[in-house]
PDB file of N, CA and C in Angstrom:
ATOM      1  N   MET A   1      39.976  23.586 -34.328  1.00  0.00           N
ATOM      2  CA  MET A   1      41.198  22.809 -33.693  1.00  0.00           C
ATOM      3  C   MET A   1      42.020  23.664 -32.554  1.00  0.00           C
ATOM      4  N   TYR A   2      42.406  21.875 -31.971  1.00  0.00           N
ATOM      5  CA  TYR A   2      42.419  22.027 -30.383  1.00  0.00           C
ATOM      6  C   TYR A   2      43.963  21.312 -30.428  1.00  0.00           C
ATOM      7  N   GLY A   3      44.653  21.534 -29.125  1.00  0.00           N
ATOM      8  CA  GLY A   3      45.571  21.087 -28.490  1.00  0.00           C
ATOM      9  C   GLY A   3      45.840  20.226 -27.615  1.00  0.00           C
ATOM     10  N   TYR A   4      46.291  19.053 -27.676  1.00  0.00           N
ATOM     11  CA  TYR A   4      46.072  18.304 -26.505  1.00  0.00           C
ATOM     12  C   TYR A   4      47.619  17.754 -26.137  1.00  0.00           C
ATOM     13  N   THR A   5      47.985  17.686 -25.294  1.00  0.00           N
ATOM     14  CA  THR A   5      49.081  17.352 -24.285  1.00  0.00           C
ATOM     15  C   THR A   5      48.615  15.925 -23.900  1.00  0.00           C
ATOM     16  N   LEU A   6      48.927  14.463 -23.933  1.00  0.00           N
ATOM     17  CA  LEU A   6      48.890  13.398 -23.310  1.00  0.00           C
ATOM     18  C   LEU A   6      50.035  12.338 -22.983  1.00  0.00           C
ATOM     19  N   THR A   7      50.217  11.937 -21.697  1.00  0.00           N
ATOM     20  CA  THR A   7      50.630  11.472 -21.176  1.00  0.00           C
ATOM     21  C   THR A   7      50.301   9.729 -20.945  1.00  0.00           C
ATOM     22  N   SER A   8      51.756   8.872 -20.609  1.00  0.00           N
ATOM     23  CA  SER A   8      51.038   7.233 -20.528  1.00  0.00           C
ATOM     24  C   SER A   8      51.208   7.393 -19.356  1.00  0.00           C
ATOM     25  N   GLY A   9      50.594   6.585 -18.461  1.00  0.00           N
ATOM     26  CA  GLY A   9      51.453   5.991 -17.222  1.00  0.00           C
ATOM     27  C   GLY A   9      52.058   4.589 -17.415  1.00  0.00           C
ATOM     28  N   THR A  10      52.152   4.165 -18.632  1.00  0.00           N
ATOM     29  CA  THR A  10      53.182   2.666 -18.642  1.00  0.00           C
ATOM     30  C   THR A  10      54.095   3.151 -18.673  1.00  0.00           C
ATOM     31  N   PRO A  11      55.400   2.650 -18.326  1.00  0.00           N
ATOM     32  CA  PRO A  11      56.913   3.012 -19.374  1.00  0.00           C
ATOM     33  C   PRO A  11      56.900   1.712 -19.756  1.00  0.00           C
ATOM     34  N   ALA A  12      58.190   2.073 -20.382  1.00  0.00           N
ATOM     35  CA  ALA A  12      58.402   0.681 -21.536  1.00  0.00           C
ATOM     36  C   ALA A  12      59.977   0.989 -21.351  1.00  0.00           C
ATOM     37  N   ASN A  13      60.317  -0.505 -21.321  1.00  0.00           N
ATOM     38  CA  ASN A  13      61.652  -0.739 -21.410  1.00  0.00           C
ATOM     39  C   ASN A  13      62.261  -1.044 -23.196  1.00  0.00           C
ATOM     40  N   LEU A  14      62.432  -0.496 -24.061  1.00  0.00           N
ATOM     41  CA  LEU A  14      62.541  -0.333 -25.298  1.00  0.00           C
ATOM     42  C   LEU A  14      64.212  -0.756 -25.472  1.00  0.00           C
ATOM     43  N   GLN A  15      64.734  -1.841 -26.515  1.00  0.00           N
ATOM     44  CA  GLN A  15      65.459  -2.312 -27.111  1.00  0.00           C
ATOM     45  C   GLN A  15      65.727  -1.756 -28.154  1.00  0.00           C
ATOM     46  N   LYS A  16      67.088  -1.653 -28.558  1.00  0.00           N
ATOM     47  CA  LYS A  16      67.641  -1.533 -29.707  1.00  0.00           C
ATOM     48  C   LYS A  16      67.073  -2.147 -31.142  1.00  0.00           C
ATOM     49  N   GLY A  17      65.888  -1.318 -32.116  1.00  0.00           N
ATOM     50  CA  GLY A  17      65.468  -1.731 -32.793  1.00  0.00           C
ATOM     51  C   GLY A  17      63.756  -2.268 -32.716  1.00  0.00           C
ATOM     52  N   HIS A  18      63.879  -2.166 -31.420  1.00  0.00           N
ATOM     53  CA  HIS A  18      62.169  -2.017 -30.835  1.00  0.00           C
ATOM     54  C   HIS A  18      61.593  -1.111 -31.908  1.00  0.00           C
ATOM     55  N   ARG A  19      59.727  -1.264 -32.302  1.00  0.00           N
ATOM     56  CA  ARG A  19      59.297   0.016 -32.201  1.00  0.00           C
ATOM     57  C   ARG A  19      58.279   0.495 -31.588  1.00  0.00           C
ATOM     58  N   ILE A  20      57.544   1.585 -32.031  1.00  0.00           N
ATOM     59  CA  ILE A  20      56.618   2.169 -31.392  1.00  0.00           C
ATOM     60  C   ILE A  20      55.117   2.335 -32.198  1.00  0.00           C
ATOM     61  N   ARG A  21      54.262   1.662 -31.466  1.00  0.00           N
ATOM     62  CA  ARG A  21      53.352   2.782 -32.120  1.00  0.00           C
ATOM     63  C   ARG A  21      52.176   3.341 -31.393  1.00  0.00           C
ATOM     64  N   LEU A  22      51.476   4.221 -32.253  1.00  0.00           N
ATOM     65  CA  LEU A  22      50.990   5.216 -31.058  1.00  0.00           C
ATOM     66  C   LEU A  22      49.565   5.136 -32.077  1.00  0.00           C
ATOM     67  N   GLN A  23      48.479   4.696 -30.831  1.00  0.00           N
ATOM     68  CA  GLN A  23      46.948   4.029 -31.153  1.00  0.00           C
ATOM     69  C   GLN A  23      46.232   5.276 -30.135  1.00  0.00           C
ATOM     70  N   LEU A  24      45.494   6.145 -30.909  1.00  0.00           N
ATOM     71  CA  LEU A  24      44.391   7.126 -30.537  1.00  0.00           C
ATOM     72  C   LEU A  24      43.245   6.349 -30.623  1.00  0.00           C
ATOM     73  N   ALA A  25      41.914   6.160 -29.531  1.00  0.00           N
ATOM     74  CA  ALA A  25      40.896   6.447 -29.005  1.00  0.00           C
ATOM     75  C   ALA A  25      40.120   7.203 -28.847  1.00  0.00           C
ATOM     76  N   SER A  26      38.774   7.509 -29.308  1.00  0.00           N
ATOM     77  CA  SER A  26      37.978   8.435 -28.747  1.00  0.00           C
ATOM     78  C   SER A  26      37.069   7.833 -27.829  1.00  0.00           C
ATOM     79  N   SER A  27      37.460   6.774 -27.325  1.00  0.00           N
ATOM     80  CA  SER A  27      36.485   6.040 -26.492  1.00  0.00           C
ATOM     81  C   SER A  27      37.330   4.970 -25.137  1.00  0.00           C
ATOM     82  N   ALA A  28      36.996   5.164 -24.055  1.00  0.00           N
ATOM     83  CA  ALA A  28      37.508   4.056 -23.458  1.00  0.00           C
ATOM     84  C   ALA A  28      36.496   3.761 -22.012  1.00  0.00           C
ATOM     85  N   PHE A  29      35.376   3.021 -22.775  1.00  0.00           N
ATOM     86  CA  PHE A  29      34.551   2.984 -22.158  1.00  0.00           C
ATOM     87  C   PHE A  29      35.061   1.401 -21.526  1.00  0.00           C
ATOM     88  N   PRO A  30      34.310   1.138 -20.017  1.00  0.00           N
ATOM     89  CA  PRO A  30      33.939   1.483 -19.109  1.00  0.00           C
ATOM     90  C   PRO A  30      34.700   2.583 -18.215  1.00  0.00           C
ATOM     91  N   LYS A  31      35.802   2.604 -18.507  1.00  0.00           N
ATOM     92  CA  LYS A  31      36.665   4.029 -17.928  1.00  0.00           C
ATOM     93  C   LYS A  31      35.644   4.741 -17.632  1.00  0.00           C
ATOM     94  N   TYR A  32      35.810   5.642 -18.960  1.00  0.00           N
ATOM     95  CA  TYR A  32      34.938   6.836 -18.754  1.00  0.00           C
ATOM     96  C   TYR A  32      33.232   6.351 -19.920  1.00  0.00           C
ATOM     97  N   ASP A  33      32.884   7.157 -19.296  1.00  0.00           N
ATOM     98  CA  ASP A  33      31.262   7.186 -19.998  1.00  0.00           C
ATOM     99  C   ASP A  33      31.521   7.644 -21.416  1.00  0.00           C
ATOM    100  N   ARG A  34      30.206   7.119 -22.216  1.00  0.00           N
ATOM    101  CA  ARG A  34      30.664   7.253 -23.710  1.00  0.00           C
ATOM    102  C   ARG A  34      29.669   9.110 -23.640  1.00  0.00           C
ATOM    103  N   ASN A  35      29.854   9.501 -24.370  1.00  0.00           N
ATOM    104  CA  ASN A  35      29.683  11.046 -25.156  1.00  0.00           C
ATOM    105  C   ASN A  35      29.270  10.555 -26.492  1.00  0.00           C
ATOM    106  N   PRO A  36      27.911  10.638 -26.843  1.00  0.00           N
ATOM    107  CA  PRO A  36      26.895  10.595 -27.526  1.00  0.00           C
ATOM    108  C   PRO A  36      27.286  11.790 -28.852  1.00  0.00           C
ATOM    109  N   GLN A  37      28.080  12.878 -28.209  1.00  0.00           N
ATOM    110  CA  GLN A  37      28.691  13.830 -29.469  1.00  0.00           C
ATOM    111  C   GLN A  37      27.277  14.434 -29.616  1.00  0.00           C
ATOM    112  N   THR A  38      25.970  14.730 -29.166  1.00  0.00           N
ATOM    113  CA  THR A  38      25.124  15.293 -29.506  1.00  0.00           C
ATOM    114  C   THR A  38      24.912  16.800 -28.403  1.00  0.00           C
ATOM    115  N   GLY A  39      25.854  17.094 -27.906  1.00  0.00           N
ATOM    116  CA  GLY A  39      25.138  18.131 -26.402  1.00  0.00           C
ATOM    117  C   GLY A  39      23.762  17.821 -25.586  1.00  0.00           C
ATOM    118  N   ASP A  40      23.737  16.464 -26.021  1.00  0.00           N
ATOM    119  CA  ASP A  40      21.957  15.939 -25.000  1.00  0.00           C
ATOM    120  C   ASP A  40      22.882  15.712 -23.655  1.00  0.00           C
ATOM    121  N   ASN A  41      21.726  15.789 -22.794  1.00  0.00           N
ATOM    122  CA  ASN A  41      21.989  14.688 -21.393  1.00  0.00           C
ATOM    123  C   ASN A  41      22.857  13.221 -21.519  1.00  0.00           C
ATOM    124  N   LEU A  42      24.089  13.344 -20.975  1.00  0.00           N
ATOM    125  CA  LEU A  42      24.613  12.140 -21.160  1.00  0.00           C
ATOM    126  C   LEU A  42      24.378  10.987 -20.707  1.00  0.00           C
ATOM    127  N   ALA A  43      23.460  10.857 -19.693  1.00  0.00           N
ATOM    128  CA  ALA A  43      23.003   9.824 -18.816  1.00  0.00           C
ATOM    129  C   ALA A  43      21.485   9.161 -19.904  1.00  0.00           C
ATOM    130  N   LYS A  44      20.828  10.428 -20.145  1.00  0.00           N
ATOM    131  CA  LYS A  44      19.337   9.994 -20.877  1.00  0.00           C
ATOM    132  C   LYS A  44      20.042  10.126 -22.199  1.00  0.00           C
ATOM    133  N   SER A  45      20.832  10.774 -22.900  1.00  0.00           N
ATOM    134  CA  SER A  45      20.777  10.499 -24.301  1.00  0.00           C
ATOM    135  C   SER A  45      20.895   8.882 -25.422  1.00  0.00           C
ATOM    136  N   THR A  46      19.791   9.000 -26.302  1.00  0.00           N
ATOM    137  CA  THR A  46      19.474   7.350 -27.109  1.00  0.00           C
ATOM    138  C   THR A  46      20.208   7.827 -28.301  1.00  0.00           C
ATOM    139  N   VAL A  47      20.557   8.704 -28.663  1.00  0.00           N
ATOM    140  CA  VAL A  47      21.239   8.515 -30.016  1.00  0.00           C
ATOM    141  C   VAL A  47      22.599   9.266 -29.869  1.00  0.00           C
ATOM    142  N   LEU A  48      23.006   8.695 -30.970  1.00  0.00           N
ATOM    143  CA  LEU A  48      24.960   8.631 -30.995  1.00  0.00           C
ATOM    144  C   LEU A  48      25.024   9.801 -32.360  1.00  0.00           C
ATOM    145  N   GLN A  49      26.081  10.760 -32.166  1.00  0.00           N
ATOM    146  CA  GLN A  49      26.752  10.701 -33.512  1.00  0.00           C
ATOM    147  C   GLN A  49      28.130  10.529 -33.636  1.00  0.00           C
ATOM    148  N   LYS A  50      28.754   9.816 -34.528  1.00  0.00           N
ATOM    149  CA  LYS A  50      30.020   9.949 -35.130  1.00  0.00           C
ATOM    150  C   LYS A  50      30.860  11.235 -34.823  1.00  0.00           C
ATOM    151  N   ALA A  51      32.394  10.653 -34.011  1.00  0.00           N
ATOM    152  CA  ALA A  51      32.988  12.062 -33.786  1.00  0.00           C
ATOM    153  C   ALA A  51      34.262  11.330 -34.794  1.00  0.00           C
ATOM    154  N   ASP A  52      35.027  12.576 -35.130  1.00  0.00           N
ATOM    155  CA  ASP A  52      36.108  12.314 -36.159  1.00  0.00           C
ATOM    156  C   ASP A  52      37.258  13.399 -34.970  1.00  0.00           C
ATOM    157  N   GLN A  53      38.372  12.629 -35.282  1.00  0.00           N
ATOM    158  CA  GLN A  53      39.503  13.610 -34.369  1.00  0.00           C
ATOM    159  C   GLN A  53      40.596  13.410 -35.738  1.00  0.00           C
ATOM    160  N   ARG A  54      41.247  13.966 -35.900  1.00  0.00           N
ATOM    161  CA  ARG A  54      42.100  14.672 -36.861  1.00  0.00           C
ATOM    162  C   ARG A  54      43.895  15.071 -36.080  1.00  0.00           C
ATOM    163  N   ILE A  55      44.725  14.078 -36.442  1.00  0.00           N
ATOM    164  CA  ILE A  55      45.901  14.372 -36.255  1.00  0.00           C
ATOM    165  C   ILE A  55      46.531  15.195 -37.335  1.00  0.00           C
ATOM    166  N   TYR A  56      46.900  16.510 -37.143  1.00  0.00           N
ATOM    167  CA  TYR A  56      47.350  17.183 -38.144  1.00  0.00           C
ATOM    168  C   TYR A  56      49.129  16.906 -37.784  1.00  0.00           C
ATOM    169  N   HIS A  57      50.066  16.533 -39.397  1.00  0.00           N
ATOM    170  CA  HIS A  57      51.414  16.773 -39.205  1.00  0.00           C
ATOM    171  C   HIS A  57      52.374  16.679 -40.101  1.00  0.00           C
ATOM    172  N   ASP A  58      51.503  18.294 -40.908  1.00  0.00           N
ATOM    173  CA  ASP A  58      52.579  18.656 -41.794  1.00  0.00           C
ATOM    174  C   ASP A  58      53.420  20.050 -41.691  1.00  0.00           C
ATOM    175  N   LYS A  59      53.696  21.023 -42.407  1.00  0.00           N
ATOM    176  CA  LYS A  59      54.146  22.249 -42.138  1.00  0.00           C
ATOM    177  C   LYS A  59      53.689  23.344 -41.615  1.00  0.00           C
ATOM    178  N   ASN A  60      52.235  23.328 -41.883  1.00  0.00           N
ATOM    179  CA  ASN A  60      50.948  24.228 -40.957  1.00  0.00           C
ATOM    180  C   ASN A  60      50.928  23.540 -39.382  1.00  0.00           C
ATOM    181  N   HIS A  61      50.918  22.437 -39.290  1.00  0.00           N
ATOM    182  CA  HIS A  61      50.205  21.681 -38.116  1.00  0.00           C
ATOM    183  C   HIS A  61      51.371  21.229 -37.536  1.00  0.00           C
ATOM    184  N   PRO A  62      52.575  21.281 -36.909  1.00  0.00           N
ATOM    185  CA  PRO A  62      53.397  20.430 -36.929  1.00  0.00           C
ATOM    186  C   PRO A  62      53.097  19.691 -35.284  1.00  0.00           C
ATOM    187  N   SER A  63      53.451  18.394 -35.633  1.00  0.00           N
ATOM    188  CA  SER A  63      53.202  17.560 -34.535  1.00  0.00           C
ATOM    189  C   SER A  63      54.225  16.929 -33.894  1.00  0.00           C
ATOM    190  N   HIS A  64      54.286  16.276 -32.566  1.00  0.00           N
ATOM    191  CA  HIS A  64      55.179  15.241 -32.524  1.00  0.00           C
ATOM    192  C   HIS A  64      55.098  14.493 -31.138  1.00  0.00           C
ATOM    193  N   ILE A  65      55.703  13.765 -30.756  1.00  0.00           N
ATOM    194  CA  ILE A  65      55.980  12.936 -29.927  1.00  0.00           C
ATOM    195  C   ILE A  65      57.014  13.047 -29.082  1.00  0.00           C
ATOM    196  N   LEU A  66      56.912  13.428 -27.651  1.00  0.00           N
ATOM    197  CA  LEU A  66      58.730  13.330 -27.227  1.00  0.00           C
ATOM    198  C   LEU A  66      58.596  12.365 -26.559  1.00  0.00           C
ATOM    199  N   LEU A  67      59.528  11.612 -26.152  1.00  0.00           N
ATOM    200  CA  LEU A  67      59.493   9.962 -25.482  1.00  0.00           C
ATOM    201  C   LEU A  67      60.843  10.429 -24.478  1.00  0.00           C
ATOM    202  N   PRO A  68      61.087  10.572 -23.809  1.00  0.00           N
ATOM    203  CA  PRO A  68      61.956  10.722 -22.490  1.00  0.00           C
ATOM    204  C   PRO A  68      63.010   9.341 -22.677  1.00  0.00           C
ATOM    205  N   VAL A  69      64.094   9.699 -22.740  1.00  0.00           N
ATOM    206  CA  VAL A  69      65.050   8.281 -22.356  1.00  0.00           C
ATOM    207  C   VAL A  69      65.879   8.399 -20.582  1.00  0.00           C
ATOM    208  N   VAL A  70      65.476   7.459 -19.919  1.00  0.00           N
ATOM    209  CA  VAL A  70      66.111   6.916 -18.914  1.00  0.00           C
ATOM    210  C   VAL A  70      67.213   6.614 -18.796  1.00  0.00           C
ATOM    211  N   PRO A  71      68.965   7.323 -18.627  1.00  0.00           N
ATOM    212  CA  PRO A  71      69.729   6.696 -18.466  1.00  0.00           C
ATOM    213  C   PRO A  71      69.660   5.174 -17.828  1.00  0.00           C
ATOM    214  N   GLU A  72      70.468   3.680 -18.178  1.00  0.00           N
ATOM    215  CA  GLU A  72      70.769   2.801 -17.301  1.00  0.00           C
ATOM    216  C   GLU A  72      71.762   3.274 -15.587  1.00  0.00           C
ATOM    217  N   LYS A  73      71.075   2.375 -15.172  1.00  0.00           N
ATOM    218  CA  LYS A  73      71.711   2.651 -13.762  1.00  0.00           C
ATOM    219  C   LYS A  73      72.992   1.986 -13.309  1.00  0.00           C
TER     220      LYS A  73
END
């Protein structure tokens, strides 16, 4: 199990009643090269293996999203 800190470079102006959806993906091709998840050479590997990511959010594995609030000027 690993801990991650994710940041977003896109600010948003949320109004009262708006909702936020968090969507995680283990791919961002072509921004980042694909990862075959096999440990083989990334440039030459032709075999792909499925990768699973889990976000735990229970009593023993708390998760949270921190959204900063910037007051209006």
